[in-house]
Amino acid sequence: MKKRILINALLMFVLFTSCNNKVEKKPMVNTKEVVKTELKFTNDQFYDKDGKFLEEKAKDALIEMLEYHNYPVFDGLREKIWLTDYNKGDYANLGLASVMFVNNEDDRYMLMDIFLLPGQMLGEHMHFAAENNPAKMEGWLIRHGKSYVAGVGENNRDQFPQVVVPKTHWTVR
């Protein structure tokens, strides 16, 4: 009888331990990589045959870039977009788009997103004090890509040969 109990216990042990899955469980990983093509825009997209800046085409390009970077494109966003080519006729290289969320002139604060297309440069500008308002101070958060900022100080452009200022930046129309 003791032998039978011992054999049954041994069989139960073997049965339960052999059914135990000893394979190390690893979480499932999606091995498919999404490869995005590089965004590229040209001035042909932004001007008609007479050289008129086509703001709706520039908005199309901006929306394409926002979707590319998973920026929240919400209802009414397109209507909030403000753009400029600085009257230079070179929007693909020198331009600016923005969306204003808050502009409180009484308390002097604003909330806006500024967008540059790949390879696009913000035009040189300054903010001056005027009509009881101090000169505006800015802070920048770069979400994607790189930004090179020039200002007062020692010239270090030779350290950044990859930064090319378009000729249209220096010409007056």
N, C-alpha and C. Protein backbone atom coordinates (compact mmCIF):
# COMPACT_ATOMS: atom_id res chain seq x y z
N MET A 1 0.82 -1.18 0.00
CA MET A 1 0.00 0.00 0.00
C MET A 1 0.87 1.26 0.00
N LYS A 2 1.92 1.23 0.84
CA LYS A 2 2.82 2.37 0.87
C LYS A 2 3.48 2.56 -0.48
N LYS A 3 3.78 1.41 -1.13
CA LYS A 3 4.41 1.47 -2.43
C LYS A 3 3.47 2.12 -3.44
N ARG A 4 2.21 1.75 -3.39
CA ARG A 4 1.22 2.30 -4.31
C ARG A 4 1.05 3.82 -4.09
N ILE A 5 1.00 4.27 -2.87
CA ILE A 5 0.87 5.70 -2.55
C ILE A 5 2.10 6.45 -3.06
N LEU A 6 3.26 5.86 -2.84
CA LEU A 6 4.50 6.48 -3.29
C LEU A 6 4.55 6.57 -4.81
N ILE A 7 4.13 5.50 -5.51
CA ILE A 7 4.13 5.49 -6.97
C ILE A 7 3.10 6.51 -7.49
N ASN A 8 1.91 6.56 -6.88
CA ASN A 8 0.90 7.55 -7.28
C ASN A 8 1.40 8.98 -7.08
N ALA A 9 2.05 9.22 -5.96
CA ALA A 9 2.58 10.55 -5.69
C ALA A 9 3.65 10.91 -6.71
N LEU A 10 4.51 9.93 -7.03
CA LEU A 10 5.56 10.15 -8.02
C LEU A 10 4.95 10.40 -9.40
N LEU A 11 3.94 9.63 -9.78
CA LEU A 11 3.27 9.84 -11.07
C LEU A 11 2.60 11.21 -11.13
N MET A 12 1.95 11.60 -10.04
CA MET A 12 1.30 12.93 -10.00
C MET A 12 2.35 14.03 -10.15
N PHE A 13 3.47 13.88 -9.48
CA PHE A 13 4.55 14.87 -9.57
C PHE A 13 5.05 14.97 -11.00
N VAL A 14 5.31 13.82 -11.63
CA VAL A 14 5.80 13.81 -13.02
C VAL A 14 4.75 14.39 -13.95
N LEU A 15 3.49 14.03 -13.74
CA LEU A 15 2.42 14.53 -14.59
C LEU A 15 2.32 16.06 -14.51
N PHE A 16 2.31 16.61 -13.31
CA PHE A 16 2.17 18.06 -13.16
C PHE A 16 3.42 18.82 -13.61
N THR A 17 4.57 18.30 -13.34
CA THR A 17 5.79 19.02 -13.75
C THR A 17 6.04 18.90 -15.24
N SER A 18 5.62 17.82 -15.86
CA SER A 18 5.83 17.69 -17.30
C SER A 18 4.85 18.56 -18.08
N CYS A 19 3.70 18.86 -17.50
CA CYS A 19 2.73 19.72 -18.16
C CYS A 19 3.07 21.20 -17.98
N ASN A 20 3.92 21.48 -17.05
CA ASN A 20 4.31 22.87 -16.81
C ASN A 20 5.12 23.37 -18.00
N ASN A 21 4.69 24.48 -18.60
CA ASN A 21 5.38 25.05 -19.76
C ASN A 21 6.63 25.77 -19.27
N LYS A 22 7.77 25.18 -19.56
CA LYS A 22 9.02 25.76 -19.09
C LYS A 22 9.65 26.71 -20.10
N VAL A 23 8.96 26.96 -21.22
CA VAL A 23 9.48 27.88 -22.23
C VAL A 23 9.33 29.30 -21.68
N GLU A 24 10.40 30.07 -21.76
CA GLU A 24 10.36 31.44 -21.28
C GLU A 24 9.40 32.25 -22.14
N LYS A 25 8.44 32.89 -21.51
CA LYS A 25 7.47 33.69 -22.24
C LYS A 25 8.03 35.08 -22.47
N LYS A 26 8.00 35.50 -23.72
CA LYS A 26 8.48 36.84 -24.07
C LYS A 26 7.30 37.62 -24.62
N PRO A 27 7.25 38.91 -24.32
CA PRO A 27 6.15 39.71 -24.87
C PRO A 27 6.25 39.77 -26.39
N MET A 28 5.09 39.81 -27.03
CA MET A 28 5.07 39.90 -28.49
C MET A 28 5.53 41.29 -28.90
N VAL A 29 6.39 41.32 -29.89
CA VAL A 29 6.93 42.58 -30.37
C VAL A 29 6.59 42.71 -31.85
N ASN A 30 6.10 43.87 -32.22
CA ASN A 30 5.82 44.13 -33.63
C ASN A 30 7.14 44.39 -34.33
N THR A 31 7.51 43.50 -35.22
CA THR A 31 8.81 43.64 -35.89
C THR A 31 8.72 44.45 -37.17
N LYS A 32 7.52 44.85 -37.55
CA LYS A 32 7.37 45.65 -38.76
C LYS A 32 7.71 47.10 -38.44
N GLU A 33 8.73 47.62 -39.06
CA GLU A 33 9.09 49.02 -38.87
C GLU A 33 8.39 49.87 -39.91
N VAL A 34 7.86 50.98 -39.46
CA VAL A 34 7.24 51.91 -40.39
C VAL A 34 8.34 52.86 -40.87
N VAL A 35 8.59 52.83 -42.14
CA VAL A 35 9.61 53.70 -42.72
C VAL A 35 8.91 54.86 -43.39
N LYS A 36 9.16 56.05 -42.86
CA LYS A 36 8.55 57.25 -43.44
C LYS A 36 9.49 57.84 -44.47
N THR A 37 8.92 58.27 -45.57
CA THR A 37 9.73 58.96 -46.57
C THR A 37 9.97 60.39 -46.09
N GLU A 38 11.09 60.93 -46.46
CA GLU A 38 11.45 62.28 -46.06
C GLU A 38 10.51 63.29 -46.71
N LEU A 39 10.08 64.27 -45.93
CA LEU A 39 9.24 65.33 -46.48
C LEU A 39 10.11 66.30 -47.27
N LYS A 40 9.65 66.67 -48.44
CA LYS A 40 10.39 67.61 -49.27
C LYS A 40 9.39 68.52 -49.97
N PHE A 41 9.60 69.81 -49.85
CA PHE A 41 8.71 70.79 -50.48
C PHE A 41 9.53 71.70 -51.37
N THR A 42 8.92 72.14 -52.47
CA THR A 42 9.59 73.06 -53.39
C THR A 42 8.70 74.27 -53.63
N ASN A 43 9.30 75.34 -54.09
CA ASN A 43 8.54 76.57 -54.34
C ASN A 43 7.48 76.39 -55.43
N ASP A 44 7.66 75.42 -56.32
CA ASP A 44 6.65 75.17 -57.35
C ASP A 44 5.29 74.86 -56.74
N GLN A 45 5.29 74.32 -55.53
CA GLN A 45 4.04 73.99 -54.85
C GLN A 45 3.33 75.23 -54.30
N PHE A 46 4.07 76.31 -54.08
CA PHE A 46 3.54 77.44 -53.31
C PHE A 46 3.25 78.70 -54.12
N TYR A 47 3.55 78.70 -55.42
CA TYR A 47 3.37 79.90 -56.23
C TYR A 47 2.69 79.55 -57.55
N ASP A 48 1.84 80.47 -58.02
CA ASP A 48 1.24 80.25 -59.34
C ASP A 48 2.20 80.75 -60.41
N LYS A 49 1.78 80.68 -61.67
CA LYS A 49 2.67 81.05 -62.79
C LYS A 49 3.07 82.52 -62.76
N ASP A 50 2.28 83.35 -62.05
CA ASP A 50 2.60 84.77 -61.95
C ASP A 50 3.40 85.10 -60.69
N GLY A 51 3.75 84.08 -59.92
CA GLY A 51 4.54 84.30 -58.71
C GLY A 51 3.73 84.64 -57.47
N LYS A 52 2.39 84.51 -57.55
CA LYS A 52 1.54 84.81 -56.39
C LYS A 52 1.63 83.66 -55.38
N PHE A 53 1.82 84.02 -54.11
CA PHE A 53 1.90 83.05 -53.03
C PHE A 53 0.54 82.40 -52.82
N LEU A 54 0.50 81.07 -52.86
CA LEU A 54 -0.74 80.31 -52.71
C LEU A 54 -0.85 79.80 -51.28
N GLU A 55 -1.52 80.58 -50.43
CA GLU A 55 -1.60 80.25 -49.01
C GLU A 55 -2.25 78.90 -48.75
N GLU A 56 -3.27 78.54 -49.52
CA GLU A 56 -3.94 77.26 -49.30
C GLU A 56 -3.00 76.09 -49.59
N LYS A 57 -2.14 76.24 -50.58
CA LYS A 57 -1.15 75.19 -50.88
C LYS A 57 -0.12 75.10 -49.75
N ALA A 58 0.25 76.24 -49.19
CA ALA A 58 1.18 76.25 -48.06
C ALA A 58 0.53 75.59 -46.84
N LYS A 59 -0.77 75.83 -46.65
CA LYS A 59 -1.49 75.17 -45.55
C LYS A 59 -1.55 73.66 -45.78
N ASP A 60 -1.74 73.24 -47.04
CA ASP A 60 -1.73 71.81 -47.35
C ASP A 60 -0.40 71.18 -46.93
N ALA A 61 0.69 71.85 -47.27
CA ALA A 61 2.02 71.34 -46.92
C ALA A 61 2.20 71.28 -45.40
N LEU A 62 1.73 72.30 -44.72
CA LEU A 62 1.85 72.32 -43.26
C LEU A 62 1.05 71.18 -42.64
N ILE A 63 -0.19 70.99 -43.08
CA ILE A 63 -1.01 69.89 -42.55
C ILE A 63 -0.33 68.55 -42.83
N GLU A 64 0.26 68.39 -44.01
CA GLU A 64 0.99 67.16 -44.33
C GLU A 64 2.13 66.93 -43.33
N MET A 65 2.87 68.00 -43.02
CA MET A 65 3.97 67.88 -42.07
C MET A 65 3.46 67.57 -40.67
N LEU A 66 2.37 68.22 -40.26
CA LEU A 66 1.82 67.97 -38.93
C LEU A 66 1.38 66.52 -38.79
N GLU A 67 0.70 66.00 -39.80
CA GLU A 67 0.27 64.60 -39.77
C GLU A 67 1.47 63.66 -39.76
N TYR A 68 2.50 64.00 -40.50
CA TYR A 68 3.73 63.20 -40.56
C TYR A 68 4.34 63.05 -39.17
N HIS A 69 4.28 64.13 -38.38
CA HIS A 69 4.87 64.12 -37.03
C HIS A 69 3.85 63.84 -35.94
N ASN A 70 2.66 63.38 -36.32
CA ASN A 70 1.60 63.03 -35.36
C ASN A 70 1.18 64.20 -34.47
N TYR A 71 1.25 65.40 -35.01
CA TYR A 71 0.74 66.58 -34.31
C TYR A 71 -0.79 66.50 -34.36
N PRO A 72 -1.47 66.87 -33.29
CA PRO A 72 -2.94 66.76 -33.30
C PRO A 72 -3.58 67.75 -34.29
N VAL A 73 -4.10 67.21 -35.37
CA VAL A 73 -4.80 68.04 -36.36
C VAL A 73 -6.28 67.99 -36.00
N PHE A 74 -6.77 69.07 -35.42
CA PHE A 74 -8.13 69.12 -34.89
C PHE A 74 -9.03 69.96 -35.80
N ASP A 75 -10.33 69.80 -35.62
CA ASP A 75 -11.29 70.60 -36.38
C ASP A 75 -11.03 72.08 -36.13
N GLY A 76 -10.97 72.86 -37.18
CA GLY A 76 -10.75 74.29 -37.06
C GLY A 76 -9.28 74.70 -37.10
N LEU A 77 -8.37 73.74 -37.10
CA LEU A 77 -6.94 74.08 -37.12
C LEU A 77 -6.58 74.85 -38.38
N ARG A 78 -7.02 74.36 -39.53
CA ARG A 78 -6.66 74.99 -40.80
C ARG A 78 -7.02 76.47 -40.81
N GLU A 79 -8.17 76.81 -40.25
CA GLU A 79 -8.62 78.21 -40.23
C GLU A 79 -7.76 79.07 -39.31
N LYS A 80 -7.09 78.46 -38.33
CA LYS A 80 -6.24 79.20 -37.39
C LYS A 80 -4.82 79.43 -37.93
N ILE A 81 -4.47 78.77 -39.02
CA ILE A 81 -3.09 78.86 -39.53
C ILE A 81 -2.85 80.23 -40.16
N TRP A 82 -1.77 80.86 -39.75
CA TRP A 82 -1.30 82.11 -40.35
C TRP A 82 0.04 81.81 -40.99
N LEU A 83 0.27 82.34 -42.20
CA LEU A 83 1.53 82.08 -42.92
C LEU A 83 2.09 83.35 -43.53
N THR A 84 3.40 83.33 -43.75
CA THR A 84 4.03 84.41 -44.50
C THR A 84 5.23 83.87 -45.26
N ASP A 85 5.46 84.45 -46.43
CA ASP A 85 6.69 84.17 -47.17
C ASP A 85 7.58 85.41 -47.15
N TYR A 86 7.26 86.35 -46.28
CA TYR A 86 8.01 87.61 -46.11
C TYR A 86 8.10 88.40 -47.42
N ASN A 87 7.18 88.14 -48.33
CA ASN A 87 7.19 88.79 -49.66
C ASN A 87 8.51 88.57 -50.39
N LYS A 88 9.12 87.42 -50.17
CA LYS A 88 10.39 87.10 -50.83
C LYS A 88 10.21 86.12 -51.98
N GLY A 89 9.05 85.45 -52.06
CA GLY A 89 8.82 84.51 -53.16
C GLY A 89 9.64 83.24 -53.04
N ASP A 90 9.98 82.83 -51.82
CA ASP A 90 10.84 81.67 -51.60
C ASP A 90 10.37 80.88 -50.38
N TYR A 91 9.06 80.62 -50.30
CA TYR A 91 8.47 80.02 -49.10
C TYR A 91 9.11 78.69 -48.72
N ALA A 92 9.54 77.89 -49.66
CA ALA A 92 10.13 76.59 -49.33
C ALA A 92 11.41 76.75 -48.51
N ASN A 93 12.07 77.90 -48.62
CA ASN A 93 13.32 78.14 -47.90
C ASN A 93 13.21 79.21 -46.82
N LEU A 94 12.33 80.17 -47.00
CA LEU A 94 12.24 81.30 -46.09
C LEU A 94 10.77 81.62 -45.85
N GLY A 95 10.25 81.21 -44.71
CA GLY A 95 8.84 81.43 -44.43
C GLY A 95 8.51 81.08 -43.00
N LEU A 96 7.24 81.17 -42.69
CA LEU A 96 6.79 80.91 -41.32
C LEU A 96 5.30 80.59 -41.35
N ALA A 97 4.91 79.65 -40.50
CA ALA A 97 3.50 79.36 -40.27
C ALA A 97 3.30 79.33 -38.76
N SER A 98 2.13 79.74 -38.32
CA SER A 98 1.85 79.69 -36.88
C SER A 98 0.37 79.47 -36.65
N VAL A 99 0.07 79.01 -35.44
CA VAL A 99 -1.30 78.87 -34.97
C VAL A 99 -1.36 79.57 -33.62
N MET A 100 -2.20 80.59 -33.53
CA MET A 100 -2.35 81.36 -32.30
C MET A 100 -3.49 80.76 -31.48
N PHE A 101 -3.19 80.40 -30.24
CA PHE A 101 -4.22 79.88 -29.34
C PHE A 101 -4.69 80.96 -28.38
N VAL A 102 -3.76 81.75 -27.84
CA VAL A 102 -4.10 82.83 -26.91
C VAL A 102 -3.18 84.00 -27.22
N ASN A 103 -3.74 85.21 -27.26
CA ASN A 103 -2.93 86.42 -27.38
C ASN A 103 -3.55 87.46 -26.45
N ASN A 104 -3.08 87.49 -25.22
CA ASN A 104 -3.62 88.39 -24.21
C ASN A 104 -2.73 89.63 -24.16
N GLU A 105 -3.15 90.68 -24.84
CA GLU A 105 -2.35 91.89 -24.91
C GLU A 105 -2.37 92.67 -23.60
N ASP A 106 -3.46 92.56 -22.83
CA ASP A 106 -3.54 93.28 -21.55
C ASP A 106 -2.51 92.75 -20.55
N ASP A 107 -2.44 91.44 -20.42
CA ASP A 107 -1.51 90.83 -19.47
C ASP A 107 -0.20 90.40 -20.12
N ARG A 108 -0.09 90.65 -21.41
CA ARG A 108 1.14 90.43 -22.18
C ARG A 108 1.64 88.98 -22.15
N TYR A 109 0.77 88.08 -22.56
CA TYR A 109 1.23 86.71 -22.76
C TYR A 109 0.50 86.12 -23.95
N MET A 110 1.12 85.14 -24.54
CA MET A 110 0.52 84.47 -25.69
C MET A 110 0.88 83.00 -25.66
N LEU A 111 0.07 82.22 -26.36
CA LEU A 111 0.33 80.80 -26.55
C LEU A 111 0.15 80.52 -28.03
N MET A 112 1.23 80.15 -28.68
CA MET A 112 1.16 79.87 -30.11
C MET A 112 2.17 78.80 -30.47
N ASP A 113 1.87 78.08 -31.53
CA ASP A 113 2.83 77.15 -32.12
C ASP A 113 3.34 77.78 -33.40
N ILE A 114 4.65 77.72 -33.58
CA ILE A 114 5.29 78.22 -34.80
C ILE A 114 5.84 77.01 -35.53
N PHE A 115 5.67 77.00 -36.84
CA PHE A 115 6.10 75.85 -37.64
C PHE A 115 7.00 76.29 -38.78
N LEU A 116 8.05 75.53 -39.00
CA LEU A 116 8.91 75.69 -40.16
C LEU A 116 8.91 74.36 -40.91
N LEU A 117 8.79 74.42 -42.21
CA LEU A 117 8.89 73.21 -43.02
C LEU A 117 10.34 72.73 -43.03
N PRO A 118 10.59 71.47 -43.37
CA PRO A 118 11.98 70.99 -43.44
C PRO A 118 12.81 71.87 -44.37
N GLY A 119 13.95 72.33 -43.87
CA GLY A 119 14.84 73.18 -44.66
C GLY A 119 14.42 74.63 -44.74
N GLN A 120 13.33 74.98 -44.09
CA GLN A 120 12.83 76.36 -44.14
C GLN A 120 13.46 77.17 -43.01
N MET A 121 13.65 78.46 -43.26
CA MET A 121 14.26 79.35 -42.29
C MET A 121 13.29 80.46 -41.93
N LEU A 122 13.28 80.82 -40.67
CA LEU A 122 12.52 81.96 -40.18
C LEU A 122 13.28 83.22 -40.55
N GLY A 123 12.58 84.21 -41.06
CA GLY A 123 13.24 85.46 -41.45
C GLY A 123 13.84 86.19 -40.26
N GLU A 124 14.95 86.84 -40.51
CA GLU A 124 15.59 87.63 -39.46
C GLU A 124 14.65 88.75 -39.04
N HIS A 125 14.54 88.94 -37.74
CA HIS A 125 13.67 89.99 -37.23
C HIS A 125 14.06 90.33 -35.80
N MET A 126 13.52 91.43 -35.30
CA MET A 126 13.75 91.86 -33.93
C MET A 126 12.42 92.30 -33.34
N HIS A 127 12.35 92.29 -32.02
CA HIS A 127 11.16 92.77 -31.32
C HIS A 127 11.56 94.02 -30.54
N PHE A 128 10.90 95.13 -30.83
CA PHE A 128 11.20 96.40 -30.18
C PHE A 128 10.09 96.77 -29.21
N ALA A 129 10.44 97.53 -28.19
CA ALA A 129 9.44 98.09 -27.29
C ALA A 129 8.65 99.15 -28.06
N ALA A 130 7.33 99.19 -27.82
CA ALA A 130 6.49 100.17 -28.51
C ALA A 130 5.19 100.37 -27.75
N GLU A 131 4.69 101.59 -27.75
CA GLU A 131 3.39 101.94 -27.16
C GLU A 131 3.16 101.27 -25.80
N ASN A 132 3.99 101.58 -24.84
CA ASN A 132 3.88 101.07 -23.47
C ASN A 132 4.06 99.56 -23.36
N ASN A 133 4.58 98.92 -24.37
CA ASN A 133 4.86 97.49 -24.32
C ASN A 133 6.37 97.28 -24.37
N PRO A 134 6.89 96.44 -23.47
CA PRO A 134 8.32 96.14 -23.55
C PRO A 134 8.61 95.26 -24.76
N ALA A 135 9.87 95.17 -25.12
CA ALA A 135 10.25 94.29 -26.22
C ALA A 135 9.88 92.85 -25.85
N LYS A 136 9.34 92.14 -26.82
CA LYS A 136 8.90 90.77 -26.58
C LYS A 136 10.10 89.84 -26.39
N MET A 137 9.97 88.96 -25.42
CA MET A 137 10.98 87.92 -25.20
C MET A 137 10.34 86.60 -25.60
N GLU A 138 11.14 85.69 -26.16
CA GLU A 138 10.61 84.42 -26.66
C GLU A 138 11.39 83.25 -26.10
N GLY A 139 10.72 82.14 -26.01
CA GLY A 139 11.35 80.86 -25.71
C GLY A 139 10.90 79.87 -26.77
N TRP A 140 11.75 78.92 -27.11
CA TRP A 140 11.44 77.98 -28.19
C TRP A 140 11.54 76.55 -27.69
N LEU A 141 10.60 75.74 -28.10
CA LEU A 141 10.62 74.30 -27.86
C LEU A 141 10.64 73.64 -29.24
N ILE A 142 11.71 72.97 -29.57
CA ILE A 142 11.84 72.31 -30.87
C ILE A 142 11.30 70.90 -30.72
N ARG A 143 10.21 70.60 -31.41
CA ARG A 143 9.59 69.27 -31.29
C ARG A 143 10.23 68.24 -32.20
N HIS A 144 10.62 68.64 -33.40
CA HIS A 144 11.22 67.72 -34.37
C HIS A 144 12.31 68.46 -35.12
N GLY A 145 13.41 67.80 -35.37
CA GLY A 145 14.48 68.41 -36.15
C GLY A 145 15.42 69.24 -35.29
N LYS A 146 16.07 70.18 -35.93
CA LYS A 146 17.04 71.05 -35.26
C LYS A 146 16.74 72.49 -35.62
N SER A 147 17.16 73.37 -34.74
CA SER A 147 17.01 74.79 -34.99
C SER A 147 18.32 75.48 -34.64
N TYR A 148 18.76 76.36 -35.50
CA TYR A 148 19.96 77.14 -35.25
C TYR A 148 19.51 78.59 -35.08
N VAL A 149 19.88 79.18 -33.97
CA VAL A 149 19.44 80.54 -33.66
C VAL A 149 20.66 81.46 -33.68
N ALA A 150 20.53 82.55 -34.41
CA ALA A 150 21.59 83.55 -34.45
C ALA A 150 21.14 84.76 -33.64
N GLY A 151 22.06 85.37 -32.97
CA GLY A 151 21.73 86.54 -32.17
C GLY A 151 22.96 87.38 -31.93
N VAL A 152 22.83 88.29 -31.02
CA VAL A 152 23.94 89.16 -30.67
C VAL A 152 25.01 88.31 -29.99
N GLY A 153 26.25 88.51 -30.39
CA GLY A 153 27.34 87.76 -29.79
C GLY A 153 28.40 87.44 -30.81
N GLU A 154 29.30 86.55 -30.44
CA GLU A 154 30.41 86.17 -31.31
C GLU A 154 29.90 85.35 -32.49
N ASN A 155 30.40 85.64 -33.67
CA ASN A 155 30.01 84.92 -34.88
C ASN A 155 30.63 83.52 -34.84
N ASN A 156 29.78 82.50 -34.82
CA ASN A 156 30.26 81.12 -34.81
C ASN A 156 29.70 80.31 -35.98
N ARG A 157 29.29 81.00 -37.04
CA ARG A 157 28.68 80.30 -38.18
C ARG A 157 29.64 79.30 -38.82
N ASP A 158 30.95 79.53 -38.71
CA ASP A 158 31.90 78.58 -39.31
C ASP A 158 31.83 77.21 -38.64
N GLN A 159 31.24 77.13 -37.45
CA GLN A 159 31.09 75.85 -36.76
C GLN A 159 29.87 75.06 -37.26
N PHE A 160 29.06 75.68 -38.11
CA PHE A 160 27.84 75.04 -38.60
C PHE A 160 27.76 75.15 -40.13
N PRO A 161 28.68 74.49 -40.84
CA PRO A 161 28.69 74.62 -42.30
C PRO A 161 27.43 74.05 -42.97
N GLN A 162 26.69 73.19 -42.26
CA GLN A 162 25.47 72.62 -42.83
C GLN A 162 24.33 73.63 -42.89
N VAL A 163 24.46 74.75 -42.19
CA VAL A 163 23.43 75.77 -42.19
C VAL A 163 23.71 76.74 -43.34
N VAL A 164 22.80 76.75 -44.30
CA VAL A 164 22.97 77.61 -45.48
C VAL A 164 21.84 78.63 -45.48
N VAL A 165 22.19 79.88 -45.45
CA VAL A 165 21.19 80.95 -45.49
C VAL A 165 20.84 81.20 -46.95
N PRO A 166 19.55 81.07 -47.32
CA PRO A 166 19.17 81.28 -48.72
C PRO A 166 19.49 82.70 -49.18
N LYS A 167 19.89 82.84 -50.43
CA LYS A 167 20.22 84.16 -50.97
C LYS A 167 19.04 85.12 -50.87
N THR A 168 17.82 84.59 -50.95
CA THR A 168 16.65 85.48 -50.87
C THR A 168 16.56 86.17 -49.53
N HIS A 169 17.20 85.62 -48.52
CA HIS A 169 17.18 86.25 -47.20
C HIS A 169 17.89 87.60 -47.23
N TRP A 170 18.88 87.73 -48.09
CA TRP A 170 19.70 88.93 -48.12
C TRP A 170 19.25 89.94 -49.17
N THR A 171 18.36 89.55 -50.06
CA THR A 171 17.96 90.47 -51.13
C THR A 171 16.68 91.20 -50.77
N VAL A 172 16.58 92.42 -51.21
CA VAL A 172 15.38 93.23 -50.98
C VAL A 172 14.55 93.19 -52.24
N ARG A 173 13.29 92.94 -52.09
CA ARG A 173 12.38 92.86 -53.24
C ARG A 173 11.84 94.20 -53.61
